[in-house]
PDB file of all heavy atoms in Angstrom:
ATOM      1  N   VAL A   1       0.845  -1.205   0.000  1.00  0.00           N
ATOM      2  CA  VAL A   1       0.000   0.000   0.000  1.00  0.00           C
ATOM      3  C   VAL A   1       0.878   1.251   0.000  1.00  0.00           C
ATOM      4  O   VAL A   1       0.666   2.178  -0.803  1.00  0.00           O
ATOM      5  CB  VAL A   1      -0.924   0.012   1.235  1.00  0.00           C
ATOM      6  CG1 VAL A   1      -1.669   1.347   1.333  1.00  0.00           C
ATOM      7  CG2 VAL A   1      -1.924  -1.123   1.166  1.00  0.00           C
ATOM      8  N   MET A   2       1.870   1.288   0.884  1.00  0.00           N
ATOM      9  CA  MET A   2       2.722   2.476   1.000  1.00  0.00           C
ATOM     10  C   MET A   2       3.523   2.712  -0.284  1.00  0.00           C
ATOM     11  O   MET A   2       3.618   3.847  -0.771  1.00  0.00           O
ATOM     12  CB  MET A   2       3.640   2.323   2.201  1.00  0.00           C
ATOM     13  CG  MET A   2       2.894   2.309   3.536  1.00  0.00           C
ATOM     14  SD  MET A   2       3.983   2.233   4.988  1.00  0.00           S
ATOM     15  CE  MET A   2       4.332   0.466   5.057  1.00  0.00           C
ATOM     16  N   ALA A   3       4.085   1.641  -0.839  1.00  0.00           N
ATOM     17  CA  ALA A   3       4.875   1.787  -2.064  1.00  0.00           C
ATOM     18  C   ALA A   3       3.998   2.207  -3.232  1.00  0.00           C
ATOM     19  O   ALA A   3       4.373   3.090  -4.027  1.00  0.00           O
ATOM     20  CB  ALA A   3       5.585   0.470  -2.379  1.00  0.00           C
ATOM     21  N   ALA A   4       2.831   1.583  -3.364  1.00  0.00           N
ATOM     22  CA  ALA A   4       1.924   1.922  -4.468  1.00  0.00           C
ATOM     23  C   ALA A   4       1.475   3.367  -4.387  1.00  0.00           C
ATOM     24  O   ALA A   4       1.381   4.069  -5.409  1.00  0.00           O
ATOM     25  CB  ALA A   4       0.714   0.984  -4.448  1.00  0.00           C
ATOM     26  N   LEU A   5       1.199   3.843  -3.179  1.00  0.00           N
ATOM     27  CA  LEU A   5       0.768   5.234  -3.027  1.00  0.00           C
ATOM     28  C   LEU A   5       1.832   6.197  -3.535  1.00  0.00           C
ATOM     29  O   LEU A   5       1.538   7.121  -4.302  1.00  0.00           O
ATOM     30  CB  LEU A   5       0.459   5.520  -1.557  1.00  0.00           C
ATOM     31  CG  LEU A   5       0.105   6.974  -1.248  1.00  0.00           C
ATOM     32  CD1 LEU A   5      -1.230   7.337  -1.866  1.00  0.00           C
ATOM     33  CD2 LEU A   5       0.094   7.223   0.250  1.00  0.00           C
ATOM     34  N   VAL A   6       3.074   5.987  -3.134  1.00  0.00           N
ATOM     35  CA  VAL A   6       4.150   6.899  -3.549  1.00  0.00           C
ATOM     36  C   VAL A   6       4.320   6.869  -5.072  1.00  0.00           C
ATOM     37  O   VAL A   6       4.450   7.913  -5.722  1.00  0.00           O
ATOM     38  CB  VAL A   6       5.464   6.525  -2.843  1.00  0.00           C
ATOM     39  CG1 VAL A   6       6.628   7.344  -3.391  1.00  0.00           C
ATOM     40  CG2 VAL A   6       5.332   6.732  -1.334  1.00  0.00           C
ATOM     41  N   VAL A   7       4.296   5.684  -5.656  1.00  0.00           N
ATOM     42  CA  VAL A   7       4.486   5.556  -7.106  1.00  0.00           C
ATOM     43  C   VAL A   7       3.337   6.212  -7.865  1.00  0.00           C
ATOM     44  O   VAL A   7       3.552   6.969  -8.828  1.00  0.00           O
ATOM     45  CB  VAL A   7       4.621   4.073  -7.505  1.00  0.00           C
ATOM     46  CG1 VAL A   7       4.602   3.923  -9.023  1.00  0.00           C
ATOM     47  CG2 VAL A   7       5.910   3.484  -6.939  1.00  0.00           C
ATOM     48  N   VAL A   8       2.109   5.958  -7.447  1.00  0.00           N
ATOM     49  CA  VAL A   8       0.953   6.519  -8.157  1.00  0.00           C
ATOM     50  C   VAL A   8       0.924   8.033  -8.037  1.00  0.00           C
ATOM     51  O   VAL A   8       0.641   8.743  -9.011  1.00  0.00           O
ATOM     52  CB  VAL A   8      -0.353   5.896  -7.627  1.00  0.00           C
ATOM     53  CG1 VAL A   8      -1.570   6.611  -8.223  1.00  0.00           C
ATOM     54  CG2 VAL A   8      -0.420   4.414  -7.979  1.00  0.00           C
ATOM     55  N   VAL A   9       1.210   8.554  -6.853  1.00  0.00           N
ATOM     56  CA  VAL A   9       1.192  10.005  -6.668  1.00  0.00           C
ATOM     57  C   VAL A   9       2.279  10.667  -7.514  1.00  0.00           C
ATOM     58  O   VAL A   9       2.047  11.716  -8.136  1.00  0.00           O
ATOM     59  CB  VAL A   9       1.353  10.359  -5.179  1.00  0.00           C
ATOM     60  CG1 VAL A   9       1.537  11.864  -4.999  1.00  0.00           C
ATOM     61  CG2 VAL A   9       0.127   9.901  -4.393  1.00  0.00           C
ATOM     62  N   ALA A  10       3.461  10.067  -7.556  1.00  0.00           N
ATOM     63  CA  ALA A  10       4.530  10.628  -8.391  1.00  0.00           C
ATOM     64  C   ALA A  10       4.134  10.610  -9.864  1.00  0.00           C
ATOM     65  O   ALA A  10       4.351  11.591 -10.593  1.00  0.00           O
ATOM     66  CB  ALA A  10       5.825   9.844  -8.175  1.00  0.00           C
ATOM     67  N   ALA A  11       3.548   9.504 -10.324  1.00  0.00           N
ATOM     68  CA  ALA A  11       3.096   9.428 -11.713  1.00  0.00           C
ATOM     69  C   ALA A  11       2.020  10.473 -11.991  1.00  0.00           C
ATOM     70  O   ALA A  11       2.013  11.112 -13.051  1.00  0.00           O
ATOM     71  CB  ALA A  11       2.567   8.024 -12.005  1.00  0.00           C
ATOM     72  N   ALA A  12       1.121  10.675 -11.040  1.00  0.00           N
ATOM     73  CA  ALA A  12       0.055  11.661 -11.221  1.00  0.00           C
ATOM     74  C   ALA A  12       0.619  13.072 -11.340  1.00  0.00           C
ATOM     75  O   ALA A  12       0.168  13.877 -12.157  1.00  0.00           O
ATOM     76  CB  ALA A  12      -0.931  11.579 -10.060  1.00  0.00           C
ATOM     77  N   ALA A  13       1.631  13.385 -10.525  1.00  0.00           N
ATOM     78  CA  ALA A  13       2.226  14.721 -10.560  1.00  0.00           C
ATOM     79  C   ALA A  13       2.927  14.993 -11.880  1.00  0.00           C
ATOM     80  O   ALA A  13       3.022  16.145 -12.324  1.00  0.00           O
ATOM     81  CB  ALA A  13       3.197  14.889  -9.395  1.00  0.00           C
ATOM     82  N   LEU A  14       3.440  13.942 -12.530  1.00  0.00           N
ATOM     83  CA  LEU A  14       4.160  14.097 -13.794  1.00  0.00           C
ATOM     84  C   LEU A  14       3.246  13.983 -15.009  1.00  0.00           C
ATOM     85  O   LEU A  14       3.679  14.229 -16.133  1.00  0.00           O
ATOM     86  CB  LEU A  14       5.263  13.038 -13.902  1.00  0.00           C
ATOM     87  CG  LEU A  14       6.418  13.166 -12.897  1.00  0.00           C
ATOM     88  CD1 LEU A  14       7.322  11.954 -12.985  1.00  0.00           C
ATOM     89  CD2 LEU A  14       7.206  14.438 -13.152  1.00  0.00           C
ATOM     90  N   TRP A  15       2.006  13.588 -14.793  1.00  0.00           N
ATOM     91  CA  TRP A  15       1.122  13.281 -15.914  1.00  0.00           C
ATOM     92  C   TRP A  15       0.767  14.550 -16.674  1.00  0.00           C
ATOM     93  O   TRP A  15       0.587  15.608 -16.102  1.00  0.00           O
ATOM     94  CB  TRP A  15      -0.157  12.627 -15.402  1.00  0.00           C
ATOM     95  CG  TRP A  15      -0.847  11.783 -16.441  1.00  0.00           C
ATOM     96  CD1 TRP A  15      -1.677  12.212 -17.425  1.00  0.00           C
ATOM     97  CD2 TRP A  15      -0.747  10.371 -16.585  1.00  0.00           C
ATOM     98  NE1 TRP A  15      -2.108  11.159 -18.181  1.00  0.00           N
ATOM     99  CE2 TRP A  15      -1.546  10.012 -17.684  1.00  0.00           C
ATOM    100  CE3 TRP A  15      -0.056   9.377 -15.891  1.00  0.00           C
ATOM    101  CZ2 TRP A  15      -1.676   8.690 -18.101  1.00  0.00           C
ATOM    102  CZ3 TRP A  15      -0.188   8.077 -16.295  1.00  0.00           C
ATOM    103  CH2 TRP A  15      -0.994   7.743 -17.400  1.00  0.00           C
ATOM    104  N   ARG A  16       0.641  14.419 -17.967  1.00  0.00           N
ATOM    105  CA  ARG A  16       0.169  15.504 -18.817  1.00  0.00           C
ATOM    106  C   ARG A  16      -0.924  14.989 -19.731  1.00  0.00           C
ATOM    107  O   ARG A  16      -0.769  13.912 -20.283  1.00  0.00           O
ATOM    108  CB  ARG A  16       1.324  16.109 -19.650  1.00  0.00           C
ATOM    109  CG  ARG A  16       2.375  16.802 -18.789  1.00  0.00           C
ATOM    110  CD  ARG A  16       1.772  17.983 -18.032  1.00  0.00           C
ATOM    111  NE  ARG A  16       2.749  18.620 -17.166  1.00  0.00           N
ATOM    112  CZ  ARG A  16       2.968  18.288 -15.902  1.00  0.00           C
ATOM    113  NH1 ARG A  16       2.294  17.287 -15.352  1.00  0.00           N
ATOM    114  NH2 ARG A  16       3.855  18.928 -15.186  1.00  0.00           N
ATOM    115  N   PRO A  17      -2.056  15.648 -19.867  1.00  0.00           N
ATOM    116  CA  PRO A  17      -2.407  16.920 -19.238  1.00  0.00           C
ATOM    117  C   PRO A  17      -2.544  16.795 -17.723  1.00  0.00           C
ATOM    118  O   PRO A  17      -2.916  15.742 -17.208  1.00  0.00           O
ATOM    119  CB  PRO A  17      -3.745  17.302 -19.870  1.00  0.00           C
ATOM    120  CG  PRO A  17      -3.851  16.471 -21.118  1.00  0.00           C
ATOM    121  CD  PRO A  17      -3.089  15.208 -20.831  1.00  0.00           C
ATOM    122  N   THR A  18      -2.259  17.881 -17.013  1.00  0.00           N
ATOM    123  CA  THR A  18      -2.224  17.860 -15.561  1.00  0.00           C
ATOM    124  C   THR A  18      -3.568  17.471 -14.968  1.00  0.00           C
ATOM    125  O   THR A  18      -3.627  16.801 -13.937  1.00  0.00           O
ATOM    126  CB  THR A  18      -1.791  19.243 -15.034  1.00  0.00           C
ATOM    127  OG1 THR A  18      -0.559  19.602 -15.648  1.00  0.00           O
ATOM    128  CG2 THR A  18      -1.625  19.224 -13.534  1.00  0.00           C
ATOM    129  N   ARG A  19      -4.660  17.899 -15.610  1.00  0.00           N
ATOM    130  CA  ARG A  19      -5.989  17.591 -15.051  1.00  0.00           C
ATOM    131  C   ARG A  19      -6.239  16.086 -15.020  1.00  0.00           C
ATOM    132  O   ARG A  19      -6.943  15.586 -14.145  1.00  0.00           O
ATOM    133  CB  ARG A  19      -7.080  18.290 -15.853  1.00  0.00           C
ATOM    134  CG  ARG A  19      -7.117  17.915 -17.316  1.00  0.00           C
ATOM    135  CD  ARG A  19      -8.155  18.733 -18.059  1.00  0.00           C
ATOM    136  NE  ARG A  19      -8.097  18.466 -19.491  1.00  0.00           N
ATOM    137  CZ  ARG A  19      -7.285  19.072 -20.331  1.00  0.00           C
ATOM    138  NH1 ARG A  19      -6.444  19.988 -19.869  1.00  0.00           N
ATOM    139  NH2 ARG A  19      -7.295  18.791 -21.616  1.00  0.00           N
ATOM    140  N   LEU A  20      -5.658  15.334 -15.959  1.00  0.00           N
ATOM    141  CA  LEU A  20      -5.791  13.879 -15.917  1.00  0.00           C
ATOM    142  C   LEU A  20      -4.912  13.281 -14.819  1.00  0.00           C
ATOM    143  O   LEU A  20      -5.271  12.277 -14.206  1.00  0.00           O
ATOM    144  CB  LEU A  20      -5.437  13.284 -17.275  1.00  0.00           C
ATOM    145  CG  LEU A  20      -6.423  13.600 -18.410  1.00  0.00           C
ATOM    146  CD1 LEU A  20      -5.978  12.928 -19.701  1.00  0.00           C
ATOM    147  CD2 LEU A  20      -7.824  13.154 -18.038  1.00  0.00           C
ATOM    148  N   GLY A  21      -3.768  13.893 -14.578  1.00  0.00           N
ATOM    149  CA  GLY A  21      -2.958  13.465 -13.445  1.00  0.00           C
ATOM    150  C   GLY A  21      -3.700  13.656 -12.132  1.00  0.00           C
ATOM    151  O   GLY A  21      -3.587  12.842 -11.212  1.00  0.00           O
ATOM    152  N   ALA A  22      -4.486  14.740 -12.059  1.00  0.00           N
ATOM    153  CA  ALA A  22      -5.286  14.979 -10.855  1.00  0.00           C
ATOM    154  C   ALA A  22      -6.309  13.866 -10.648  1.00  0.00           C
ATOM    155  O   ALA A  22      -6.582  13.466  -9.513  1.00  0.00           O
ATOM    156  CB  ALA A  22      -5.995  16.333 -10.963  1.00  0.00           C
ATOM    157  N   VAL A  23      -6.852  13.335 -11.739  1.00  0.00           N
ATOM    158  CA  VAL A  23      -7.821  12.240 -11.625  1.00  0.00           C
ATOM    159  C   VAL A  23      -7.138  10.984 -11.093  1.00  0.00           C
ATOM    160  O   VAL A  23      -7.672  10.278 -10.227  1.00  0.00           O
ATOM    161  CB  VAL A  23      -8.488  11.965 -12.978  1.00  0.00           C
ATOM    162  CG1 VAL A  23      -9.420  10.758 -12.883  1.00  0.00           C
ATOM    163  CG2 VAL A  23      -9.261  13.186 -13.457  1.00  0.00           C
ATOM    164  N   LEU A  24      -5.953  10.675 -11.613  1.00  0.00           N
ATOM    165  CA  LEU A  24      -5.188   9.529 -11.110  1.00  0.00           C
ATOM    166  C   LEU A  24      -4.889   9.700  -9.626  1.00  0.00           C
ATOM    167  O   LEU A  24      -4.991   8.756  -8.835  1.00  0.00           O
ATOM    168  CB  LEU A  24      -3.896   9.382 -11.911  1.00  0.00           C
ATOM    169  CG  LEU A  24      -2.972   8.224 -11.517  1.00  0.00           C
ATOM    170  CD1 LEU A  24      -3.661   6.878 -11.734  1.00  0.00           C
ATOM    171  CD2 LEU A  24      -1.667   8.285 -12.306  1.00  0.00           C
ATOM    172  N   LEU A  25      -4.521  10.922  -9.231  1.00  0.00           N
ATOM    173  CA  LEU A  25      -4.253  11.209  -7.828  1.00  0.00           C
ATOM    174  C   LEU A  25      -5.510  11.005  -6.988  1.00  0.00           C
ATOM    175  O   LEU A  25      -5.447  10.458  -5.872  1.00  0.00           O
ATOM    176  CB  LEU A  25      -3.737  12.638  -7.683  1.00  0.00           C
ATOM    177  CG  LEU A  25      -3.482  13.147  -6.259  1.00  0.00           C
ATOM    178  CD1 LEU A  25      -2.483  12.255  -5.538  1.00  0.00           C
ATOM    179  CD2 LEU A  25      -2.981  14.581  -6.284  1.00  0.00           C
ATOM    180  N   ALA A  26      -6.667  11.428  -7.509  1.00  0.00           N
ATOM    181  CA  ALA A  26      -7.923  11.243  -6.776  1.00  0.00           C
ATOM    182  C   ALA A  26      -8.188   9.764  -6.524  1.00  0.00           C
ATOM    183  O   ALA A  26      -8.649   9.378  -5.443  1.00  0.00           O
ATOM    184  CB  ALA A  26      -9.081  11.863  -7.554  1.00  0.00           C
ATOM    185  N   GLY A  27      -7.891   8.924  -7.518  1.00  0.00           N
ATOM    186  CA  GLY A  27      -8.073   7.497  -7.334  1.00  0.00           C
ATOM    187  C   GLY A  27      -7.215   6.944  -6.218  1.00  0.00           C
ATOM    188  O   GLY A  27      -7.632   6.043  -5.479  1.00  0.00           O
ATOM    189  N   ALA A  28      -5.991   7.481  -6.060  1.00  0.00           N
ATOM    190  CA  ALA A  28      -5.112   7.028  -4.980  1.00  0.00           C
ATOM    191  C   ALA A  28      -5.554   7.569  -3.629  1.00  0.00           C
ATOM    192  O   ALA A  28      -5.364   6.921  -2.591  1.00  0.00           O
ATOM    193  CB  ALA A  28      -3.675   7.461  -5.266  1.00  0.00           C
ATOM    194  N   ILE A  29      -6.137   8.763  -3.624  1.00  0.00           N
ATOM    195  CA  ILE A  29      -6.572   9.372  -2.371  1.00  0.00           C
ATOM    196  C   ILE A  29      -7.763   8.621  -1.788  1.00  0.00           C
ATOM    197  O   ILE A  29      -7.893   8.490  -0.558  1.00  0.00           O
ATOM    198  CB  ILE A  29      -6.930  10.860  -2.593  1.00  0.00           C
ATOM    199  CG1 ILE A  29      -5.661  11.671  -2.892  1.00  0.00           C
ATOM    200  CG2 ILE A  29      -7.642  11.443  -1.379  1.00  0.00           C
ATOM    201  CD1 ILE A  29      -5.941  13.109  -3.296  1.00  0.00           C
ATOM    202  N   ILE A  30      -8.653   8.105  -2.639  1.00  0.00           N
ATOM    203  CA  ILE A  30      -9.898   7.475  -2.169  1.00  0.00           C
ATOM    204  C   ILE A  30      -9.638   6.404  -1.105  1.00  0.00           C
ATOM    205  O   ILE A  30     -10.201   6.471  -0.007  1.00  0.00           O
ATOM    206  CB  ILE A  30     -10.688   6.911  -3.361  1.00  0.00           C
ATOM    207  CG1 ILE A  30     -11.345   8.054  -4.141  1.00  0.00           C
ATOM    208  CG2 ILE A  30     -11.749   5.909  -2.903  1.00  0.00           C
ATOM    209  CD1 ILE A  30     -12.009   7.616  -5.434  1.00  0.00           C
TER     210      ILE A  30
END
């Protein structure tokens, strides 16, 4: 869980377009 969270959040921050990265981040936050 801890490793997946860090990896997903980092990928979300780098994602372009940024608004889609925000969606990926939302999925990890849930």
